Amino acid sequence: MKIFACCAVGCVLIFLAMGYQAGLFDDTLESLSPSSSSAPREPAKNKGPRALYPDALAEAYRGKGAPQAAEFQKSRGPHRLAFLDTQGRVHEWQEKLPDDWQGDSVEGTELVIVCSKNSKLMIQHITYPGAPAISRYRYDMDVTVVVAKTGEVLAKKRFVSMPRHAESVEAWELTALGGPVQFHNVFEWIVAQCPLGFPQDPSPIITKYRHN
């Protein structure tokens, strides 16, 4: 019995020795090794938070450029624009931009266009015998063009929307003439100025309001 047990143990030892020599147990040892592929990987490097839109562009308007923004170089365009109001919020005109001129992120914006509210001034009051009087109103808006990346102010321009003249006979229900500065007047000026780099010109742009 003892002889049989010794033979069995000897066979097992011989089998193990042959297995190690043949490399049969290498995979098992690697799977148990602490340096195997199951070891935790190093966390990915943090690239930093993405600049918030339009907050970072509002800071550009206040003189602090957004380094993540696209670079502006004077050319015919299109150029990516972001229309903001003076509170740093997206202006309603942003949706009126053609698709290839829309800046919908900080990284995708070259110029920040800041539009003030329209100011309204009555310039004429016309009375009609036996009919309601008509008032003519002028509207003014200040537009500031800022390089998104640097905060540099390229231009400040006042737009003036003038009403048409009143006729001797007008519709009974008409009591006012004139309306706010219109998007197409501002956008057409921007398109014309982009290739020129917005040269300084303090004179206002006077347009006619034609909806009434």
Protein backbone atom coordinates (compact mmCIF):
# COMPACT_ATOMS: atom_id res chain seq x y z
CA MET A 1 0.00 0.00 0.00
CA LYS A 2 2.81 2.38 0.91
CA ILE A 3 4.60 1.49 -2.28
CA PHE A 4 1.45 2.34 -4.31
CA ALA A 5 1.06 5.73 -2.59
CA CYS A 6 4.68 6.63 -3.20
CA CYS A 7 4.33 5.73 -6.88
CA ALA A 8 1.20 7.94 -7.19
CA VAL A 9 2.92 10.92 -5.58
CA GLY A 10 5.91 10.43 -7.84
CA CYS A 11 3.70 10.41 -10.94
CA VAL A 12 2.00 13.67 -9.88
CA LEU A 13 5.36 15.37 -9.32
CA ILE A 14 6.63 14.18 -12.68
CA PHE A 15 3.42 15.51 -14.38
CA LEU A 16 3.77 18.90 -12.73
CA ALA A 17 7.42 19.18 -13.68
CA MET A 18 6.63 18.34 -17.31
CA GLY A 19 3.74 20.84 -17.32
CA TYR A 20 5.87 23.72 -16.06
CA GLN A 21 8.56 22.86 -18.57
CA ALA A 22 6.00 22.90 -21.39
CA GLY A 23 4.48 26.20 -20.24
CA LEU A 24 1.04 24.76 -19.58
CA PHE A 25 0.55 26.82 -16.43
CA ASP A 26 1.84 30.20 -17.70
CA ASP A 27 -1.66 31.60 -18.44
CA THR A 28 -2.87 30.63 -14.97
CA LEU A 29 0.06 32.35 -13.31
CA GLU A 30 -0.39 35.51 -15.40
CA SER A 31 -4.08 35.71 -14.46
CA LEU A 32 -3.12 35.57 -10.79
CA SER A 33 -0.28 38.09 -11.12
CA PRO A 34 -0.98 41.60 -9.74
CA SER A 35 0.69 43.11 -12.84
CA SER A 36 -1.84 41.52 -15.21
CA SER A 37 -4.27 43.43 -17.43
CA SER A 38 -6.89 43.34 -14.67
CA ALA A 39 -4.91 46.01 -12.78
CA PRO A 40 -6.80 49.35 -12.59
CA ARG A 41 -6.02 51.80 -15.40
CA GLU A 42 -4.90 55.36 -14.80
CA PRO A 43 -7.82 57.79 -15.01
CA ALA A 44 -8.06 59.88 -18.17
CA LYS A 45 -6.56 63.32 -17.91
CA ASN A 46 -9.15 66.03 -17.31
CA LYS A 47 -9.25 68.49 -20.21
CA GLY A 48 -11.12 71.06 -18.15
CA PRO A 49 -14.74 72.15 -18.33
CA ARG A 50 -16.16 73.31 -21.62
CA ALA A 51 -16.79 77.06 -21.80
CA LEU A 52 -20.41 77.89 -21.09
CA TYR A 53 -22.48 79.43 -23.88
CA PRO A 54 -23.33 82.29 -23.91
CA ASP A 55 -21.78 83.19 -20.52
CA ALA A 56 -18.19 83.22 -21.76
CA LEU A 57 -19.20 85.37 -24.72
CA ALA A 58 -20.87 87.85 -22.40
CA GLU A 59 -17.53 88.12 -20.60
CA ALA A 60 -15.89 88.89 -23.96
CA TYR A 61 -18.29 91.81 -24.34
CA ARG A 62 -17.10 93.06 -20.94
CA GLY A 63 -13.50 92.98 -22.14
CA LYS A 64 -12.48 89.48 -21.03
CA GLY A 65 -11.92 87.34 -24.11
CA ALA A 66 -12.89 83.67 -24.37
CA PRO A 67 -9.68 81.81 -25.38
CA GLN A 68 -11.73 78.80 -26.53
CA ALA A 69 -13.57 80.88 -29.14
CA ALA A 70 -12.84 80.69 -32.86
CA GLU A 71 -10.38 83.14 -34.38
CA PHE A 72 -11.66 86.04 -36.50
CA GLN A 73 -9.78 87.17 -39.60
CA LYS A 74 -11.21 89.76 -41.94
CA SER A 75 -12.58 88.10 -45.05
CA ARG A 76 -15.84 87.84 -46.95
CA GLY A 77 -17.08 85.08 -44.68
CA PRO A 78 -19.26 83.47 -43.64
CA HIS A 79 -18.26 84.22 -40.05
CA ARG A 80 -19.86 82.65 -37.00
CA LEU A 81 -21.78 85.27 -35.01
CA ALA A 82 -23.49 85.35 -31.63
CA PHE A 83 -26.10 88.06 -31.10
CA LEU A 84 -26.45 89.01 -27.43
CA ASP A 85 -28.35 91.69 -25.55
CA THR A 86 -26.60 94.00 -23.08
CA GLN A 87 -27.41 91.57 -20.24
CA GLY A 88 -25.40 88.77 -21.89
CA ARG A 89 -28.44 86.78 -23.01
CA VAL A 90 -28.96 85.37 -26.50
CA HIS A 91 -30.76 87.99 -28.58
CA GLU A 92 -33.87 87.09 -30.53
CA TRP A 93 -32.04 87.91 -33.76
CA GLN A 94 -29.76 84.87 -33.32
CA GLU A 95 -32.47 82.68 -34.84
CA LYS A 96 -32.67 84.95 -37.90
CA LEU A 97 -29.05 84.30 -38.90
CA PRO A 98 -28.39 82.06 -41.91
CA ASP A 99 -27.15 78.63 -40.82
CA ASP A 100 -23.58 79.22 -41.98
CA TRP A 101 -23.36 82.45 -39.93
CA GLN A 102 -24.70 81.05 -36.65
CA GLY A 103 -22.33 80.62 -33.73
CA ASP A 104 -24.06 78.09 -31.45
CA SER A 105 -21.16 77.49 -29.04
CA VAL A 106 -18.20 79.39 -27.62
CA GLU A 107 -15.79 77.30 -29.69
CA GLY A 108 -17.86 78.00 -32.81
CA THR A 109 -18.15 81.80 -32.44
CA GLU A 110 -15.88 84.44 -33.97
CA LEU A 111 -17.73 87.69 -33.31
CA VAL A 112 -20.10 88.76 -30.57
CA ILE A 113 -22.73 91.26 -31.70
CA VAL A 114 -24.26 93.10 -28.74
CA CYS A 115 -27.51 94.95 -29.40
CA SER A 116 -29.06 97.48 -27.05
CA LYS A 117 -32.78 97.94 -26.64
CA ASN A 118 -34.49 100.27 -29.09
CA SER A 119 -35.07 103.75 -27.77
CA LYS A 120 -38.22 105.45 -29.07
CA LEU A 121 -38.56 109.19 -29.74
CA MET A 122 -41.57 111.04 -31.18
CA ILE A 123 -40.35 113.41 -33.88
CA GLN A 124 -43.67 114.68 -35.27
CA HIS A 125 -47.34 114.82 -34.30
CA ILE A 126 -49.75 115.40 -37.17
CA THR A 127 -53.41 116.30 -36.71
CA TYR A 128 -56.20 115.63 -39.20
CA PRO A 129 -59.56 117.43 -39.21
CA GLY A 130 -62.22 115.05 -37.95
CA ALA A 131 -59.78 112.12 -37.77
CA PRO A 132 -57.26 110.67 -35.26
CA ALA A 133 -53.84 112.30 -35.16
CA ILE A 134 -50.72 110.45 -36.28
CA SER A 135 -47.37 110.46 -34.46
CA ARG A 136 -44.08 109.71 -36.23
CA TYR A 137 -41.47 107.85 -34.15
CA ARG A 138 -37.74 107.42 -34.52
CA TYR A 139 -36.03 104.31 -33.04
CA ASP A 140 -32.34 104.07 -32.13
CA MET A 141 -30.25 100.98 -31.39
CA ASP A 142 -26.54 100.75 -30.46
CA VAL A 143 -24.63 97.78 -31.87
CA THR A 144 -21.19 96.70 -30.60
CA VAL A 145 -18.99 94.22 -32.48
CA VAL A 146 -16.53 92.30 -30.28
CA VAL A 147 -13.91 89.67 -31.14
CA ALA A 148 -15.00 86.65 -29.11
CA LYS A 149 -11.49 85.28 -28.58
CA THR A 150 -9.83 88.48 -27.32
CA GLY A 151 -12.61 90.82 -26.20
CA GLU A 152 -11.38 93.49 -28.62
CA VAL A 153 -14.10 95.95 -29.65
CA LEU A 154 -13.99 96.32 -33.42
CA ALA A 155 -16.86 98.74 -33.85
CA LYS A 156 -19.64 100.65 -32.14
CA LYS A 157 -22.43 101.74 -34.43
CA ARG A 158 -25.76 103.47 -33.89
CA PHE A 159 -28.63 102.44 -36.13
CA VAL A 160 -31.50 104.86 -36.61
CA SER A 161 -34.85 103.69 -37.95
CA MET A 162 -36.85 106.58 -39.43
CA PRO A 163 -40.58 106.47 -40.20
CA ARG A 164 -41.99 107.29 -43.59
CA HIS A 165 -43.69 110.62 -44.14
CA ALA A 166 -47.39 110.90 -43.41
CA GLU A 167 -49.71 111.36 -46.36
CA SER A 168 -52.48 113.92 -46.52
CA VAL A 169 -54.97 111.05 -46.37
CA GLU A 170 -54.25 107.99 -44.21
CA ALA A 171 -56.24 105.02 -42.94
CA TRP A 172 -58.54 105.96 -40.06
CA GLU A 173 -57.04 103.36 -37.70
CA LEU A 174 -53.44 104.51 -38.28
CA THR A 175 -52.15 106.54 -35.32
CA ALA A 176 -48.38 105.90 -35.40
CA LEU A 177 -45.63 105.62 -37.98
CA GLY A 178 -42.24 104.02 -37.49
CA GLY A 179 -40.80 100.89 -35.94
CA PRO A 180 -37.66 99.37 -34.34
CA VAL A 181 -34.35 98.84 -36.09
CA GLN A 182 -34.65 95.74 -38.26
CA PHE A 183 -32.38 92.70 -38.34
CA HIS A 184 -31.58 92.80 -42.04
CA ASN A 185 -30.15 96.34 -41.78
CA VAL A 186 -27.69 95.31 -39.05
CA PHE A 187 -26.77 91.98 -40.65
CA GLU A 188 -26.13 93.53 -44.07
CA TRP A 189 -23.80 96.07 -42.45
CA ILE A 190 -21.87 93.29 -40.66
CA VAL A 191 -21.50 91.27 -43.85
CA ALA A 192 -20.16 94.35 -45.68
CA GLN A 193 -17.71 95.18 -42.87
CA CYS A 194 -16.19 91.73 -42.30
CA PRO A 195 -13.85 91.90 -45.32
CA LEU A 196 -12.75 95.41 -44.27
CA GLY A 197 -12.10 94.63 -40.61
CA PHE A 198 -14.68 97.15 -39.35
CA PRO A 199 -12.84 100.44 -39.97
CA GLN A 200 -13.76 103.21 -37.52
CA ASP A 201 -16.70 105.30 -38.66
CA PRO A 202 -18.64 107.25 -36.00
CA SER A 203 -21.51 108.25 -38.28
CA PRO A 204 -24.86 106.56 -37.59
CA ILE A 205 -26.60 104.36 -40.11
CA ILE A 206 -30.02 105.76 -40.95
CA THR A 207 -32.62 103.39 -42.38
CA LYS A 208 -36.28 103.67 -43.33
CA TYR A 209 -38.91 101.63 -41.58
CA ARG A 210 -41.30 100.47 -44.29
CA HIS A 211 -43.91 98.30 -42.56
CA ASN A 212 -46.47 101.08 -42.34
